[in-house]
Structures are given as C-alpha cells and as structure tokens.
C-alpha cells in the first residue's frame, strides 16, 4: 500500500493496533492512546488460512501469509 499511495498527498498509511472507532467524530482509537482523524477510512482486518472444512490439510498445506510461512515452504522444498 505504501508504494502505491506514496505520491498521493492526501493519503496517509498507518500501522497500529485499533481499539475502537469514534464514528461521530470520525476518529480511529489506537492502543497507544492516540486518536487518528479520518475523512475516508479503509479497514483491513487481516486474514486466516481456509481449508474448506478440511482442517486436517493444515499440516500438509502451509499458508503463505507471513515471512515465516514462506521460510517454512522454502525449507520443505529444499528438504524434498
């Protein structure tokens, strides 16, 4: 997101832990006590792996959502 939006003067990309929203005042409340005002808010809550009801697949089909996941996949390929 940062690289895509870096030339947009009216956009700010932040990373923080949200504890709540004050929709009346258009503010996002952060765990460090700060409140960030907004005009337009896009919230990305993250994601989890989905195995379509087959949780037993998790051991054999690692996800790819973190650096650690990528490192684990690389390790498995190199050991195969």
C-alpha atoms as a PDB file:
ATOM      1  CA  UNK A   1       0.000   0.000   0.000  1.00  0.00           C
ATOM      2  CA  UNK A   2       2.733   2.440   0.884  1.00  0.00           C
ATOM      3  CA  UNK A   3       4.400   2.146  -2.512  1.00  0.00           C
ATOM      4  CA  UNK A   4       1.089   2.515  -4.350  1.00  0.00           C
ATOM      5  CA  UNK A   5      -0.056   5.526  -2.332  1.00  0.00           C
ATOM      6  CA  UNK A   6       3.287   7.271  -1.744  1.00  0.00           C
ATOM      7  CA  UNK A   7       2.610  10.003  -4.328  1.00  0.00           C
ATOM      8  CA  UNK A   8      -0.896  10.731  -3.047  1.00  0.00           C
ATOM      9  CA  UNK A   9      -0.507  13.884  -0.970  1.00  0.00           C
ATOM     10  CA  UNK A  10      -3.972  13.471   0.560  1.00  0.00           C
ATOM     11  CA  UNK A  11      -3.372   9.897   1.786  1.00  0.00           C
ATOM     12  CA  UNK A  12      -1.613   8.560   4.869  1.00  0.00           C
ATOM     13  CA  UNK A  13      -0.843   4.891   5.520  1.00  0.00           C
ATOM     14  CA  UNK A  14      -0.508   3.917   9.197  1.00  0.00           C
ATOM     15  CA  UNK A  15       0.145   0.682  11.041  1.00  0.00           C
ATOM     16  CA  UNK A  16      -1.241   0.327  14.551  1.00  0.00           C
ATOM     17  CA  UNK A  17      -3.483  -1.658  16.852  1.00  0.00           C
ATOM     18  CA  UNK A  18      -7.024  -0.336  16.714  1.00  0.00           C
ATOM     19  CA  UNK A  19      -9.049  -0.491  19.910  1.00  0.00           C
ATOM     20  CA  UNK A  20     -12.156   1.255  18.655  1.00  0.00           C
ATOM     21  CA  UNK A  21     -13.817   3.819  16.435  1.00  0.00           C
ATOM     22  CA  UNK A  22     -15.438   7.134  17.256  1.00  0.00           C
ATOM     23  CA  UNK A  23     -17.755   7.380  14.254  1.00  0.00           C
ATOM     24  CA  UNK A  24     -19.368  10.572  15.488  1.00  0.00           C
ATOM     25  CA  UNK A  25     -16.027  12.412  15.480  1.00  0.00           C
ATOM     26  CA  UNK A  26     -14.537  10.388  12.565  1.00  0.00           C
ATOM     27  CA  UNK A  27     -11.614   9.112  14.624  1.00  0.00           C
ATOM     28  CA  UNK A  28      -9.837   5.768  14.957  1.00  0.00           C
ATOM     29  CA  UNK A  29      -8.768   4.970  18.526  1.00  0.00           C
ATOM     30  CA  UNK A  30      -5.367   3.281  18.900  1.00  0.00           C
ATOM     31  CA  UNK A  31      -3.932   1.146  21.692  1.00  0.00           C
ATOM     32  CA  UNK A  32      -1.179   3.698  22.373  1.00  0.00           C
ATOM     33  CA  UNK A  33      -3.839   6.273  23.322  1.00  0.00           C
ATOM     34  CA  UNK A  34      -3.734   8.273  20.109  1.00  0.00           C
ATOM     35  CA  UNK A  35      -6.847   9.062  18.097  1.00  0.00           C
ATOM     36  CA  UNK A  36      -6.384   9.431  14.330  1.00  0.00           C
ATOM     37  CA  UNK A  37      -8.909  11.573  12.446  1.00  0.00           C
ATOM     38  CA  UNK A  38     -10.149  10.404   9.054  1.00  0.00           C
ATOM     39  CA  UNK A  39     -12.220  11.575   6.103  1.00  0.00           C
ATOM     40  CA  UNK A  40     -12.438   8.175   4.423  1.00  0.00           C
ATOM     41  CA  UNK A  41     -11.488   5.016   6.306  1.00  0.00           C
ATOM     42  CA  UNK A  42     -10.471   1.662   4.830  1.00  0.00           C
ATOM     43  CA  UNK A  43     -10.059  -1.087   7.425  1.00  0.00           C
ATOM     44  CA  UNK A  44      -8.056  -4.238   6.593  1.00  0.00           C
ATOM     45  CA  UNK A  45      -8.561  -6.759   9.361  1.00  0.00           C
ATOM     46  CA  UNK A  46      -6.180  -9.426   8.108  1.00  0.00           C
ATOM     47  CA  UNK A  47      -6.963 -12.948   7.063  1.00  0.00           C
ATOM     48  CA  UNK A  48      -6.605 -16.571   8.044  1.00  0.00           C
ATOM     49  CA  UNK A  49      -5.995 -19.742   6.114  1.00  0.00           C
ATOM     50  CA  UNK A  50      -9.070 -21.522   4.811  1.00  0.00           C
ATOM     51  CA  UNK A  51      -9.056 -25.237   4.128  1.00  0.00           C
ATOM     52  CA  UNK A  52     -12.702 -25.525   3.020  1.00  0.00           C
ATOM     53  CA  UNK A  53     -13.772 -27.533   6.055  1.00  0.00           C
ATOM     54  CA  UNK A  54     -10.741 -29.863   5.911  1.00  0.00           C
ATOM     55  CA  UNK A  55      -8.679 -28.758   8.912  1.00  0.00           C
ATOM     56  CA  UNK A  56      -6.534 -31.871   8.567  1.00  0.00           C
ATOM     57  CA  UNK A  57      -4.977 -30.277   5.454  1.00  0.00           C
ATOM     58  CA  UNK A  58      -3.255 -27.621   7.578  1.00  0.00           C
ATOM     59  CA  UNK A  59      -0.237 -29.852   8.370  1.00  0.00           C
ATOM     60  CA  UNK A  60       0.433 -30.603   4.706  1.00  0.00           C
ATOM     61  CA  UNK A  61      -0.609 -27.319   3.113  1.00  0.00           C
ATOM     62  CA  UNK A  62       1.005 -24.375   4.891  1.00  0.00           C
ATOM     63  CA  UNK A  63      -0.367 -20.940   4.220  1.00  0.00           C
ATOM     64  CA  UNK A  64       1.573 -18.080   2.694  1.00  0.00           C
ATOM     65  CA  UNK A  65       0.652 -15.030   4.734  1.00  0.00           C
ATOM     66  CA  UNK A  66       3.872 -14.306   6.644  1.00  0.00           C
ATOM     67  CA  UNK A  67       7.632 -14.397   6.126  1.00  0.00           C
ATOM     68  CA  UNK A  68       7.700 -17.386   8.470  1.00  0.00           C
ATOM     69  CA  UNK A  69       5.212 -19.210   6.207  1.00  0.00           C
ATOM     70  CA  UNK A  70       7.418 -18.525   3.175  1.00  0.00           C
ATOM     71  CA  UNK A  71      10.515 -19.720   5.036  1.00  0.00           C
ATOM     72  CA  UNK A  72       8.727 -22.929   6.033  1.00  0.00           C
ATOM     73  CA  UNK A  73       7.642 -23.598   2.439  1.00  0.00           C
ATOM     74  CA  UNK A  74      11.224 -22.987   1.257  1.00  0.00           C
ATOM     75  CA  UNK A  75      12.545 -25.375   3.913  1.00  0.00           C
ATOM     76  CA  UNK A  76      10.108 -28.090   2.841  1.00  0.00           C
ATOM     77  CA  UNK A  77      11.005 -27.700  -0.840  1.00  0.00           C
ATOM     78  CA  UNK A  78      14.733 -27.857  -0.151  1.00  0.00           C
ATOM     79  CA  UNK A  79      14.334 -30.950   2.020  1.00  0.00           C
ATOM     80  CA  UNK A  80      12.168 -32.765  -0.530  1.00  0.00           C
END
